PDB file of all heavy atoms in Angstrom:
ATOM      1  N   PHE A   1       0.362  -6.637  14.072  1.00  0.00           N
ATOM      2  CA  PHE A   1       0.544  -7.748  13.146  1.00  0.00           C
ATOM      3  C   PHE A   1      -0.144  -9.017  13.642  1.00  0.00           C
ATOM      4  O   PHE A   1      -0.532  -9.127  14.806  1.00  0.00           O
ATOM      5  CB  PHE A   1       2.048  -8.045  12.979  1.00  0.00           C
ATOM      6  CG  PHE A   1       2.837  -6.938  12.360  1.00  0.00           C
ATOM      7  CD1 PHE A   1       3.426  -5.956  13.155  1.00  0.00           C
ATOM      8  CD2 PHE A   1       3.009  -6.864  10.991  1.00  0.00           C
ATOM      9  CE1 PHE A   1       4.162  -4.928  12.592  1.00  0.00           C
ATOM     10  CE2 PHE A   1       3.744  -5.837  10.418  1.00  0.00           C
ATOM     11  CZ  PHE A   1       4.326  -4.878  11.206  1.00  0.00           C
ATOM     12  N   GLY A   2      -0.245  -9.973  12.727  1.00  0.00           N
ATOM     13  CA  GLY A   2      -0.578 -11.332  13.117  1.00  0.00           C
ATOM     14  C   GLY A   2       0.692 -11.968  13.654  1.00  0.00           C
ATOM     15  O   GLY A   2       1.723 -11.987  12.970  1.00  0.00           O
ATOM     16  N   ILE A   3       0.658 -12.461  14.890  1.00  0.00           N
ATOM     17  CA  ILE A   3       1.865 -12.934  15.574  1.00  0.00           C
ATOM     18  C   ILE A   3       1.873 -14.456  15.673  1.00  0.00           C
ATOM     19  O   ILE A   3       0.871 -15.087  16.056  1.00  0.00           O
ATOM     20  CB  ILE A   3       1.973 -12.313  16.981  1.00  0.00           C
ATOM     21  CG1 ILE A   3       2.131 -10.788  16.868  1.00  0.00           C
ATOM     22  CG2 ILE A   3       3.139 -12.917  17.758  1.00  0.00           C
ATOM     23  CD1 ILE A   3       3.380 -10.329  16.140  1.00  0.00           C
ATOM     24  N   MET A   4       3.013 -15.051  15.327  1.00  0.00           N
ATOM     25  CA  MET A   4       3.200 -16.492  15.428  1.00  0.00           C
ATOM     26  C   MET A   4       4.004 -16.823  16.684  1.00  0.00           C
ATOM     27  O   MET A   4       5.106 -16.307  16.876  1.00  0.00           O
ATOM     28  CB  MET A   4       3.953 -17.014  14.192  1.00  0.00           C
ATOM     29  CG  MET A   4       3.242 -16.753  12.882  1.00  0.00           C
ATOM     30  SD  MET A   4       1.691 -17.662  12.765  1.00  0.00           S
ATOM     31  CE  MET A   4       0.953 -16.881  11.328  1.00  0.00           C
ATOM     32  N   ASN A   5       3.443 -17.653  17.538  1.00  0.00           N
ATOM     33  CA  ASN A   5       4.156 -18.136  18.708  1.00  0.00           C
ATOM     34  C   ASN A   5       4.739 -19.510  18.389  1.00  0.00           C
ATOM     35  O   ASN A   5       4.024 -20.400  17.916  1.00  0.00           O
ATOM     36  CB  ASN A   5       3.209 -18.209  19.911  1.00  0.00           C
ATOM     37  CG  ASN A   5       2.666 -16.841  20.289  1.00  0.00           C
ATOM     38  OD1 ASN A   5       3.379 -15.835  20.235  1.00  0.00           O
ATOM     39  ND2 ASN A   5       1.391 -16.775  20.666  1.00  0.00           N
ATOM     40  N   VAL A   6       6.053 -19.662  18.624  1.00  0.00           N
ATOM     41  CA  VAL A   6       6.754 -20.875  18.195  1.00  0.00           C
ATOM     42  C   VAL A   6       7.477 -21.534  19.357  1.00  0.00           C
ATOM     43  O   VAL A   6       7.753 -20.908  20.393  1.00  0.00           O
ATOM     44  CB  VAL A   6       7.768 -20.542  17.072  1.00  0.00           C
ATOM     45  CG1 VAL A   6       7.058 -19.941  15.861  1.00  0.00           C
ATOM     46  CG2 VAL A   6       8.852 -19.586  17.578  1.00  0.00           C
ATOM     47  N   ASP A   7       7.798 -22.837  19.170  1.00  0.00           N
ATOM     48  CA  ASP A   7       8.577 -23.559  20.180  1.00  0.00           C
ATOM     49  C   ASP A   7      10.065 -23.422  19.853  1.00  0.00           C
ATOM     50  O   ASP A   7      10.464 -22.646  18.981  1.00  0.00           O
ATOM     51  CB  ASP A   7       8.134 -25.020  20.250  1.00  0.00           C
ATOM     52  CG  ASP A   7       8.363 -25.772  18.941  1.00  0.00           C
ATOM     53  OD1 ASP A   7       9.155 -25.296  18.097  1.00  0.00           O
ATOM     54  OD2 ASP A   7       7.749 -26.850  18.771  1.00  0.00           O
ATOM     55  N   GLU A   8      10.891 -24.218  20.541  1.00  0.00           N
ATOM     56  CA  GLU A   8      12.347 -24.098  20.375  1.00  0.00           C
ATOM     57  C   GLU A   8      12.811 -24.542  18.985  1.00  0.00           C
ATOM     58  O   GLU A   8      13.943 -24.256  18.578  1.00  0.00           O
ATOM     59  CB  GLU A   8      13.077 -24.901  21.453  1.00  0.00           C
ATOM     60  CG  GLU A   8      12.852 -26.413  21.399  1.00  0.00           C
ATOM     61  CD  GLU A   8      11.615 -26.851  22.195  1.00  0.00           C
ATOM     62  OE1 GLU A   8      10.754 -25.983  22.471  1.00  0.00           O
ATOM     63  OE2 GLU A   8      11.522 -28.047  22.528  1.00  0.00           O
ATOM     64  N   HIS A   9      11.949 -25.242  18.252  1.00  0.00           N
ATOM     65  CA  HIS A   9      12.296 -25.682  16.900  1.00  0.00           C
ATOM     66  C   HIS A   9      11.641 -24.805  15.827  1.00  0.00           C
ATOM     67  O   HIS A   9      11.603 -25.181  14.650  1.00  0.00           O
ATOM     68  CB  HIS A   9      11.871 -27.139  16.692  1.00  0.00           C
ATOM     69  CG  HIS A   9      12.475 -28.091  17.690  1.00  0.00           C
ATOM     70  ND1 HIS A   9      13.829 -28.346  17.741  1.00  0.00           N
ATOM     71  CD2 HIS A   9      11.896 -28.822  18.686  1.00  0.00           C
ATOM     72  CE1 HIS A   9      14.081 -29.214  18.724  1.00  0.00           C
ATOM     73  NE2 HIS A   9      12.919 -29.512  19.308  1.00  0.00           N
ATOM     74  N   ASP A  10      11.140 -23.676  16.248  1.00  0.00           N
ATOM     75  CA  ASP A  10      10.439 -22.752  15.346  1.00  0.00           C
ATOM     76  C   ASP A  10       9.226 -23.390  14.685  1.00  0.00           C
ATOM     77  O   ASP A  10       8.877 -23.081  13.545  1.00  0.00           O
ATOM     78  CB  ASP A  10      11.388 -22.180  14.278  1.00  0.00           C
ATOM     79  CG  ASP A  10      12.101 -20.914  14.765  1.00  0.00           C
ATOM     80  OD1 ASP A  10      11.759 -20.439  15.864  1.00  0.00           O
ATOM     81  OD2 ASP A  10      12.981 -20.408  14.042  1.00  0.00           O
ATOM     82  N   MET A  11       8.584 -24.286  15.423  1.00  0.00           N
ATOM     83  CA  MET A  11       7.307 -24.834  14.974  1.00  0.00           C
ATOM     84  C   MET A  11       6.187 -24.027  15.635  1.00  0.00           C
ATOM     85  O   MET A  11       6.236 -23.729  16.829  1.00  0.00           O
ATOM     86  CB  MET A  11       7.180 -26.314  15.326  1.00  0.00           C
ATOM     87  CG  MET A  11       8.241 -27.194  14.669  1.00  0.00           C
ATOM     88  SD  MET A  11       8.250 -27.108  12.858  1.00  0.00           S
ATOM     89  CE  MET A  11       6.705 -27.954  12.482  1.00  0.00           C
ATOM     90  N   ILE A  12       5.209 -23.643  14.856  1.00  0.00           N
ATOM     91  CA  ILE A  12       4.143 -22.770  15.332  1.00  0.00           C
ATOM     92  C   ILE A  12       3.126 -23.565  16.152  1.00  0.00           C
ATOM     93  O   ILE A  12       2.609 -24.577  15.693  1.00  0.00           O
ATOM     94  CB  ILE A  12       3.442 -22.089  14.138  1.00  0.00           C
ATOM     95  CG1 ILE A  12       4.452 -21.278  13.319  1.00  0.00           C
ATOM     96  CG2 ILE A  12       2.296 -21.192  14.610  1.00  0.00           C
ATOM     97  CD1 ILE A  12       3.935 -20.842  11.960  1.00  0.00           C
ATOM     98  N   TYR A  13       2.845 -23.085  17.349  1.00  0.00           N
ATOM     99  CA  TYR A  13       1.807 -23.722  18.162  1.00  0.00           C
ATOM    100  C   TYR A  13       0.610 -22.806  18.409  1.00  0.00           C
ATOM    101  O   TYR A  13      -0.441 -23.245  18.877  1.00  0.00           O
ATOM    102  CB  TYR A  13       2.377 -24.202  19.510  1.00  0.00           C
ATOM    103  CG  TYR A  13       2.840 -23.094  20.439  1.00  0.00           C
ATOM    104  CD1 TYR A  13       1.951 -22.437  21.288  1.00  0.00           C
ATOM    105  CD2 TYR A  13       4.179 -22.726  20.490  1.00  0.00           C
ATOM    106  CE1 TYR A  13       2.376 -21.430  22.145  1.00  0.00           C
ATOM    107  CE2 TYR A  13       4.618 -21.720  21.340  1.00  0.00           C
ATOM    108  CZ  TYR A  13       3.715 -21.076  22.165  1.00  0.00           C
ATOM    109  OH  TYR A  13       4.137 -20.078  23.008  1.00  0.00           O
ATOM    110  N   GLU A  14       0.758 -21.515  18.055  1.00  0.00           N
ATOM    111  CA  GLU A  14      -0.350 -20.588  18.281  1.00  0.00           C
ATOM    112  C   GLU A  14      -0.224 -19.400  17.336  1.00  0.00           C
ATOM    113  O   GLU A  14       0.876 -18.932  17.040  1.00  0.00           O
ATOM    114  CB  GLU A  14      -0.330 -20.096  19.732  1.00  0.00           C
ATOM    115  CG  GLU A  14      -1.529 -19.221  20.110  1.00  0.00           C
ATOM    116  CD  GLU A  14      -1.472 -18.750  21.553  1.00  0.00           C
ATOM    117  OE1 GLU A  14      -0.353 -18.653  22.111  1.00  0.00           O
ATOM    118  OE2 GLU A  14      -2.540 -18.494  22.134  1.00  0.00           O
ATOM    119  N   PHE A  15      -1.376 -18.935  16.855  1.00  0.00           N
ATOM    120  CA  PHE A  15      -1.436 -17.750  16.014  1.00  0.00           C
ATOM    121  C   PHE A  15      -2.369 -16.742  16.674  1.00  0.00           C
ATOM    122  O   PHE A  15      -3.496 -17.066  17.038  1.00  0.00           O
ATOM    123  CB  PHE A  15      -1.954 -18.103  14.615  1.00  0.00           C
ATOM    124  CG  PHE A  15      -2.288 -16.908  13.769  1.00  0.00           C
ATOM    125  CD1 PHE A  15      -1.296 -16.044  13.332  1.00  0.00           C
ATOM    126  CD2 PHE A  15      -3.596 -16.626  13.407  1.00  0.00           C
ATOM    127  CE1 PHE A  15      -1.598 -14.933  12.555  1.00  0.00           C
ATOM    128  CE2 PHE A  15      -3.919 -15.523  12.626  1.00  0.00           C
ATOM    129  CZ  PHE A  15      -2.913 -14.680  12.206  1.00  0.00           C
ATOM    130  N   GLU A  16      -1.877 -15.499  16.829  1.00  0.00           N
ATOM    131  CA  GLU A  16      -2.682 -14.446  17.441  1.00  0.00           C
ATOM    132  C   GLU A  16      -2.789 -13.271  16.467  1.00  0.00           C
ATOM    133  O   GLU A  16      -1.777 -12.726  16.028  1.00  0.00           O
ATOM    134  CB  GLU A  16      -2.055 -13.962  18.750  1.00  0.00           C
ATOM    135  CG  GLU A  16      -2.023 -15.005  19.855  1.00  0.00           C
ATOM    136  CD  GLU A  16      -1.426 -14.459  21.139  1.00  0.00           C
ATOM    137  OE1 GLU A  16      -0.203 -14.206  21.158  1.00  0.00           O
ATOM    138  OE2 GLU A  16      -2.178 -14.267  22.100  1.00  0.00           O
ATOM    139  N   GLU A  17      -4.011 -12.894  16.123  1.00  0.00           N
ATOM    140  CA  GLU A  17      -4.230 -11.788  15.201  1.00  0.00           C
ATOM    141  C   GLU A  17      -4.251 -10.467  15.973  1.00  0.00           C
ATOM    142  O   GLU A  17      -5.157 -10.209  16.764  1.00  0.00           O
ATOM    143  CB  GLU A  17      -5.555 -11.977  14.448  1.00  0.00           C
ATOM    144  CG  GLU A  17      -5.876 -10.882  13.445  1.00  0.00           C
ATOM    145  CD  GLU A  17      -4.894 -10.814  12.287  1.00  0.00           C
ATOM    146  OE1 GLU A  17      -4.347 -11.873  11.921  1.00  0.00           O
ATOM    147  OE2 GLU A  17      -4.661  -9.712  11.768  1.00  0.00           O
ATOM    148  N   LYS A  18      -3.226  -9.648  15.771  1.00  0.00           N
ATOM    149  CA  LYS A  18      -3.097  -8.331  16.398  1.00  0.00           C
ATOM    150  C   LYS A  18      -3.373  -8.372  17.908  1.00  0.00           C
ATOM    151  O   LYS A  18      -4.283  -7.706  18.412  1.00  0.00           O
ATOM    152  CB  LYS A  18      -4.025  -7.335  15.711  1.00  0.00           C
ATOM    153  CG  LYS A  18      -3.701  -7.123  14.244  1.00  0.00           C
ATOM    154  CD  LYS A  18      -4.619  -6.120  13.567  1.00  0.00           C
ATOM    155  CE  LYS A  18      -4.241  -5.937  12.104  1.00  0.00           C
ATOM    156  NZ  LYS A  18      -5.134  -4.991  11.395  1.00  0.00           N
ATOM    157  N   PRO A  19      -2.576  -9.143  18.645  1.00  0.00           N
ATOM    158  CA  PRO A  19      -2.802  -9.280  20.087  1.00  0.00           C
ATOM    159  C   PRO A  19      -2.451  -8.009  20.860  1.00  0.00           C
ATOM    160  O   PRO A  19      -1.480  -7.318  20.530  1.00  0.00           O
ATOM    161  CB  PRO A  19      -1.866 -10.426  20.474  1.00  0.00           C
ATOM    162  CG  PRO A  19      -0.750 -10.335  19.483  1.00  0.00           C
ATOM    163  CD  PRO A  19      -1.390  -9.900  18.189  1.00  0.00           C
ATOM    164  N   LYS A  20      -3.227  -7.697  21.884  1.00  0.00           N
ATOM    165  CA  LYS A  20      -2.933  -6.523  22.714  1.00  0.00           C
ATOM    166  C   LYS A  20      -1.685  -6.753  23.551  1.00  0.00           C
ATOM    167  O   LYS A  20      -0.908  -5.825  23.790  1.00  0.00           O
ATOM    168  CB  LYS A  20      -4.130  -6.216  23.612  1.00  0.00           C
ATOM    169  CG  LYS A  20      -5.369  -5.739  22.855  1.00  0.00           C
ATOM    170  CD  LYS A  20      -6.506  -5.396  23.813  1.00  0.00           C
ATOM    171  CE  LYS A  20      -7.723  -4.881  23.060  1.00  0.00           C
ATOM    172  NZ  LYS A  20      -8.854  -4.550  23.977  1.00  0.00           N
ATOM    173  N   LYS A  21      -1.501  -8.005  24.004  1.00  0.00           N
ATOM    174  CA  LYS A  21      -0.316  -8.358  24.781  1.00  0.00           C
ATOM    175  C   LYS A  21       0.395  -9.529  24.098  1.00  0.00           C
ATOM    176  O   LYS A  21       0.190 -10.690  24.456  1.00  0.00           O
ATOM    177  CB  LYS A  21      -0.711  -8.720  26.214  1.00  0.00           C
ATOM    178  CG  LYS A  21      -1.300  -7.555  26.996  1.00  0.00           C
ATOM    179  CD  LYS A  21      -1.624  -7.959  28.431  1.00  0.00           C
ATOM    180  CE  LYS A  21      -2.188  -6.779  29.224  1.00  0.00           C
ATOM    181  NZ  LYS A  21      -2.502  -7.160  30.627  1.00  0.00           N
ATOM    182  N   PRO A  22       1.199  -9.244  23.083  1.00  0.00           N
ATOM    183  CA  PRO A  22       1.842 -10.319  22.311  1.00  0.00           C
ATOM    184  C   PRO A  22       2.834 -11.122  23.143  1.00  0.00           C
ATOM    185  O   PRO A  22       3.514 -10.583  24.013  1.00  0.00           O
ATOM    186  CB  PRO A  22       2.549  -9.563  21.181  1.00  0.00           C
ATOM    187  CG  PRO A  22       2.745  -8.178  21.712  1.00  0.00           C
ATOM    188  CD  PRO A  22       1.569  -7.905  22.599  1.00  0.00           C
ATOM    189  N   LYS A  23       2.899 -12.421  22.846  1.00  0.00           N
ATOM    190  CA  LYS A  23       3.842 -13.310  23.526  1.00  0.00           C
ATOM    191  C   LYS A  23       5.179 -13.378  22.796  1.00  0.00           C
ATOM    192  O   LYS A  23       6.172 -13.827  23.361  1.00  0.00           O
ATOM    193  CB  LYS A  23       3.243 -14.714  23.629  1.00  0.00           C
ATOM    194  CG  LYS A  23       1.935 -14.780  24.395  1.00  0.00           C
ATOM    195  CD  LYS A  23       1.332 -16.174  24.318  1.00  0.00           C
ATOM    196  CE  LYS A  23      -0.050 -16.220  24.960  1.00  0.00           C
ATOM    197  NZ  LYS A  23      -0.701 -17.543  24.788  1.00  0.00           N
ATOM    198  N   SER A  24       5.191 -12.986  21.524  1.00  0.00           N
ATOM    199  CA  SER A  24       6.438 -12.968  20.763  1.00  0.00           C
ATOM    200  C   SER A  24       6.395 -11.815  19.772  1.00  0.00           C
ATOM    201  O   SER A  24       5.387 -11.107  19.667  1.00  0.00           O
ATOM    202  CB  SER A  24       6.639 -14.297  20.015  1.00  0.00           C
ATOM    203  OG  SER A  24       5.937 -14.311  18.789  1.00  0.00           O
ATOM    204  N   ASN A  25       7.504 -11.640  19.058  1.00  0.00           N
ATOM    205  CA  ASN A  25       7.562 -10.545  18.076  1.00  0.00           C
ATOM    206  C   ASN A  25       7.757 -11.088  16.663  1.00  0.00           C
ATOM    207  O   ASN A  25       8.263 -10.390  15.785  1.00  0.00           O
ATOM    208  CB  ASN A  25       8.687  -9.573  18.423  1.00  0.00           C
ATOM    209  CG  ASN A  25      10.059 -10.217  18.334  1.00  0.00           C
ATOM    210  OD1 ASN A  25      10.193 -11.442  18.383  1.00  0.00           O
ATOM    211  ND2 ASN A  25      11.091  -9.403  18.207  1.00  0.00           N
ATOM    212  N   LEU A  26       7.326 -12.333  16.422  1.00  0.00           N
ATOM    213  CA  LEU A  26       7.432 -12.925  15.092  1.00  0.00           C
ATOM    214  C   LEU A  26       6.152 -12.633  14.311  1.00  0.00           C
ATOM    215  O   LEU A  26       5.112 -13.255  14.528  1.00  0.00           O
ATOM    216  CB  LEU A  26       7.663 -14.440  15.190  1.00  0.00           C
ATOM    217  CG  LEU A  26       9.027 -14.896  15.709  1.00  0.00           C
ATOM    218  CD1 LEU A  26       9.100 -16.407  15.754  1.00  0.00           C
ATOM    219  CD2 LEU A  26      10.149 -14.325  14.843  1.00  0.00           C
ATOM    220  N   ALA A  27       6.246 -11.699  13.401  1.00  0.00           N
ATOM    221  CA  ALA A  27       5.071 -11.258  12.641  1.00  0.00           C
ATOM    222  C   ALA A  27       4.953 -12.030  11.333  1.00  0.00           C
ATOM    223  O   ALA A  27       5.944 -12.252  10.632  1.00  0.00           O
ATOM    224  CB  ALA A  27       5.172  -9.764  12.346  1.00  0.00           C
ATOM    225  N   SER A  28       3.743 -12.435  11.019  1.00  0.00           N
ATOM    226  CA  SER A  28       3.482 -13.104   9.745  1.00  0.00           C
ATOM    227  C   SER A  28       3.640 -12.111   8.596  1.00  0.00           C
ATOM    228  O   SER A  28       3.173 -10.972   8.662  1.00  0.00           O
ATOM    229  CB  SER A  28       2.066 -13.681   9.733  1.00  0.00           C
ATOM    230  OG  SER A  28       1.724 -14.114   8.431  1.00  0.00           O
ATOM    231  N   MET A  29       4.298 -12.554   7.525  1.00  0.00           N
ATOM    232  CA  MET A  29       4.498 -11.713   6.343  1.00  0.00           C
ATOM    233  C   MET A  29       3.438 -11.990   5.282  1.00  0.00           C
ATOM    234  O   MET A  29       3.479 -11.400   4.197  1.00  0.00           O
ATOM    235  CB  MET A  29       5.892 -11.962   5.769  1.00  0.00           C
ATOM    236  CG  MET A  29       7.019 -11.583   6.711  1.00  0.00           C
ATOM    237  SD  MET A  29       8.634 -12.185   6.155  1.00  0.00           S
ATOM    238  CE  MET A  29       8.811 -11.337   4.596  1.00  0.00           C
ATOM    239  N   GLY A  30       2.513 -12.894   5.567  1.00  0.00           N
ATOM    240  CA  GLY A  30       1.481 -13.216   4.586  1.00  0.00           C
ATOM    241  C   GLY A  30       1.991 -14.024   3.412  1.00  0.00           C
ATOM    242  O   GLY A  30       1.413 -14.008   2.329  1.00  0.00           O
ATOM    243  N   ILE A  31       3.089 -14.746   3.620  1.00  0.00           N
ATOM    244  CA  ILE A  31       3.668 -15.618   2.593  1.00  0.00           C
ATOM    245  C   ILE A  31       3.615 -17.046   3.121  1.00  0.00           C
ATOM    246  O   ILE A  31       4.169 -17.339   4.185  1.00  0.00           O
ATOM    247  CB  ILE A  31       5.122 -15.216   2.282  1.00  0.00           C
ATOM    248  CG1 ILE A  31       5.180 -13.758   1.817  1.00  0.00           C
ATOM    249  CG2 ILE A  31       5.747 -16.144   1.245  1.00  0.00           C
ATOM    250  CD1 ILE A  31       6.584 -13.191   1.750  1.00  0.00           C
ATOM    251  N   TYR A  32       2.932 -17.930   2.381  1.00  0.00           N
ATOM    252  CA  TYR A  32       2.698 -19.288   2.869  1.00  0.00           C
ATOM    253  C   TYR A  32       3.144 -20.313   1.838  1.00  0.00           C
ATOM    254  O   TYR A  32       2.963 -20.116   0.634  1.00  0.00           O
ATOM    255  CB  TYR A  32       1.212 -19.533   3.133  1.00  0.00           C
ATOM    256  CG  TYR A  32       0.489 -18.464   3.921  1.00  0.00           C
ATOM    257  CD1 TYR A  32      -0.409 -17.595   3.291  1.00  0.00           C
ATOM    258  CD2 TYR A  32       0.669 -18.334   5.294  1.00  0.00           C
ATOM    259  CE1 TYR A  32      -1.091 -16.628   4.004  1.00  0.00           C
ATOM    260  CE2 TYR A  32      -0.014 -17.369   6.013  1.00  0.00           C
ATOM    261  CZ  TYR A  32      -0.884 -16.510   5.369  1.00  0.00           C
ATOM    262  OH  TYR A  32      -1.558 -15.547   6.076  1.00  0.00           O
ATOM    263  N   ILE A  33       3.688 -21.421   2.321  1.00  0.00           N
ATOM    264  CA  ILE A  33       3.863 -22.616   1.494  1.00  0.00           C
ATOM    265  C   ILE A  33       3.044 -23.734   2.124  1.00  0.00           C
ATOM    266  O   ILE A  33       3.168 -24.008   3.327  1.00  0.00           O
ATOM    267  CB  ILE A  33       5.341 -23.033   1.383  1.00  0.00           C
ATOM    268  CG1 ILE A  33       6.128 -22.029   0.519  1.00  0.00           C
ATOM    269  CG2 ILE A  33       5.450 -24.429   0.762  1.00  0.00           C
ATOM    270  CD1 ILE A  33       7.592 -22.373   0.351  1.00  0.00           C
ATOM    271  N   PHE A  34       2.191 -24.348   1.320  1.00  0.00           N
ATOM    272  CA  PHE A  34       1.357 -25.457   1.774  1.00  0.00           C
ATOM    273  C   PHE A  34       1.709 -26.726   1.009  1.00  0.00           C
ATOM    274  O   PHE A  34       2.045 -26.662  -0.185  1.00  0.00           O
ATOM    275  CB  PHE A  34      -0.126 -25.160   1.525  1.00  0.00           C
ATOM    276  CG  PHE A  34      -0.700 -24.055   2.360  1.00  0.00           C
ATOM    277  CD1 PHE A  34      -0.737 -22.757   1.878  1.00  0.00           C
ATOM    278  CD2 PHE A  34      -1.233 -24.317   3.620  1.00  0.00           C
ATOM    279  CE1 PHE A  34      -1.284 -21.734   2.640  1.00  0.00           C
ATOM    280  CE2 PHE A  34      -1.771 -23.298   4.385  1.00  0.00           C
ATOM    281  CZ  PHE A  34      -1.805 -22.005   3.898  1.00  0.00           C
ATOM    282  N   SER A  35       1.597 -27.846   1.669  1.00  0.00           N
ATOM    283  CA  SER A  35       1.563 -29.117   0.962  1.00  0.00           C
ATOM    284  C   SER A  35       0.184 -29.200   0.318  1.00  0.00           C
ATOM    285  O   SER A  35      -0.841 -29.072   1.011  1.00  0.00           O
ATOM    286  CB  SER A  35       1.801 -30.277   1.934  1.00  0.00           C
ATOM    287  OG  SER A  35       3.103 -30.190   2.483  1.00  0.00           O
ATOM    288  N   TRP A  36       0.139 -29.385  -0.989  1.00  0.00           N
ATOM    289  CA  TRP A  36      -1.097 -29.195  -1.742  1.00  0.00           C
ATOM    290  C   TRP A  36      -2.226 -30.127  -1.312  1.00  0.00           C
ATOM    291  O   TRP A  36      -3.381 -29.721  -1.204  1.00  0.00           O
ATOM    292  CB  TRP A  36      -0.818 -29.329  -3.234  1.00  0.00           C
ATOM    293  CG  TRP A  36      -2.057 -29.317  -4.101  1.00  0.00           C
ATOM    294  CD1 TRP A  36      -2.405 -30.228  -5.048  1.00  0.00           C
ATOM    295  CD2 TRP A  36      -3.098 -28.327  -4.100  1.00  0.00           C
ATOM    296  NE1 TRP A  36      -3.592 -29.875  -5.636  1.00  0.00           N
ATOM    297  CE2 TRP A  36      -4.047 -28.711  -5.067  1.00  0.00           C
ATOM    298  CE3 TRP A  36      -3.339 -27.167  -3.365  1.00  0.00           C
ATOM    299  CZ2 TRP A  36      -5.198 -27.984  -5.339  1.00  0.00           C
ATOM    300  CZ3 TRP A  36      -4.493 -26.432  -3.619  1.00  0.00           C
ATOM    301  CH2 TRP A  36      -5.405 -26.842  -4.591  1.00  0.00           C
ATOM    302  N   LYS A  37      -1.929 -31.392  -1.039  1.00  0.00           N
ATOM    303  CA  LYS A  37      -2.997 -32.322  -0.668  1.00  0.00           C
ATOM    304  C   LYS A  37      -3.718 -31.862   0.591  1.00  0.00           C
ATOM    305  O   LYS A  37      -4.950 -31.890   0.664  1.00  0.00           O
ATOM    306  CB  LYS A  37      -2.420 -33.725  -0.475  1.00  0.00           C
ATOM    307  CG  LYS A  37      -2.000 -34.394  -1.772  1.00  0.00           C
ATOM    308  CD  LYS A  37      -1.484 -35.801  -1.545  1.00  0.00           C
ATOM    309  CE  LYS A  37      -1.071 -36.462  -2.861  1.00  0.00           C
ATOM    310  NZ  LYS A  37      -0.549 -37.842  -2.645  1.00  0.00           N
ATOM    311  N   GLN A  38      -2.955 -31.435   1.598  1.00  0.00           N
ATOM    312  CA  GLN A  38      -3.586 -30.947   2.834  1.00  0.00           C
ATOM    313  C   GLN A  38      -4.348 -29.650   2.591  1.00  0.00           C
ATOM    314  O   GLN A  38      -5.477 -29.494   3.048  1.00  0.00           O
ATOM    315  CB  GLN A  38      -2.539 -30.741   3.933  1.00  0.00           C
ATOM    316  CG  GLN A  38      -2.052 -32.023   4.575  1.00  0.00           C
ATOM    317  CD  GLN A  38      -0.710 -32.451   4.019  1.00  0.00           C
ATOM    318  OE1 GLN A  38      -0.436 -32.329   2.822  1.00  0.00           O
ATOM    319  NE2 GLN A  38       0.144 -32.966   4.895  1.00  0.00           N
ATOM    320  N   LEU A  39      -3.738 -28.713   1.864  1.00  0.00           N
ATOM    321  CA  LEU A  39      -4.406 -27.437   1.630  1.00  0.00           C
ATOM    322  C   LEU A  39      -5.730 -27.639   0.910  1.00  0.00           C
ATOM    323  O   LEU A  39      -6.741 -27.021   1.260  1.00  0.00           O
ATOM    324  CB  LEU A  39      -3.510 -26.502   0.813  1.00  0.00           C
ATOM    325  CG  LEU A  39      -4.159 -25.160   0.405  1.00  0.00           C
ATOM    326  CD1 LEU A  39      -4.594 -24.375   1.634  1.00  0.00           C
ATOM    327  CD2 LEU A  39      -3.221 -24.335  -0.464  1.00  0.00           C
ATOM    328  N   ARG A  40      -5.750 -28.500  -0.068  1.00  0.00           N
ATOM    329  CA  ARG A  40      -6.982 -28.729  -0.823  1.00  0.00           C
ATOM    330  C   ARG A  40      -8.109 -29.195   0.092  1.00  0.00           C
ATOM    331  O   ARG A  40      -9.251 -28.725  -0.023  1.00  0.00           O
ATOM    332  CB  ARG A  40      -6.733 -29.755  -1.931  1.00  0.00           C
ATOM    333  CG  ARG A  40      -7.967 -30.028  -2.771  1.00  0.00           C
ATOM    334  CD  ARG A  40      -7.643 -30.836  -3.996  1.00  0.00           C
ATOM    335  NE  ARG A  40      -8.831 -31.049  -4.811  1.00  0.00           N
ATOM    336  CZ  ARG A  40      -8.819 -31.316  -6.101  1.00  0.00           C
ATOM    337  NH1 ARG A  40      -7.664 -31.401  -6.733  1.00  0.00           N
ATOM    338  NH2 ARG A  40      -9.941 -31.497  -6.767  1.00  0.00           N
ATOM    339  N   GLU A  41      -7.793 -30.079   1.016  1.00  0.00           N
ATOM    340  CA  GLU A  41      -8.815 -30.568   1.949  1.00  0.00           C
ATOM    341  C   GLU A  41      -9.373 -29.436   2.798  1.00  0.00           C
ATOM    342  O   GLU A  41     -10.594 -29.338   2.997  1.00  0.00           O
ATOM    343  CB  GLU A  41      -8.214 -31.655   2.849  1.00  0.00           C
ATOM    344  CG  GLU A  41      -7.853 -32.933   2.116  1.00  0.00           C
ATOM    345  CD  GLU A  41      -7.166 -33.937   3.030  1.00  0.00           C
ATOM    346  OE1 GLU A  41      -7.001 -33.617   4.241  1.00  0.00           O
ATOM    347  OE2 GLU A  41      -6.775 -35.010   2.543  1.00  0.00           O
TER     348      GLU A  41
END
């Protein structure tokens, strides 16, 4: 999976696509919510 590495507040600081040695087991589900102004940019 694509793995999300998070801090103690569950804020993402790193994304690893199918890592051989994953640092966490939080897999991306491919579901995103964006703030539209930022996403558009």
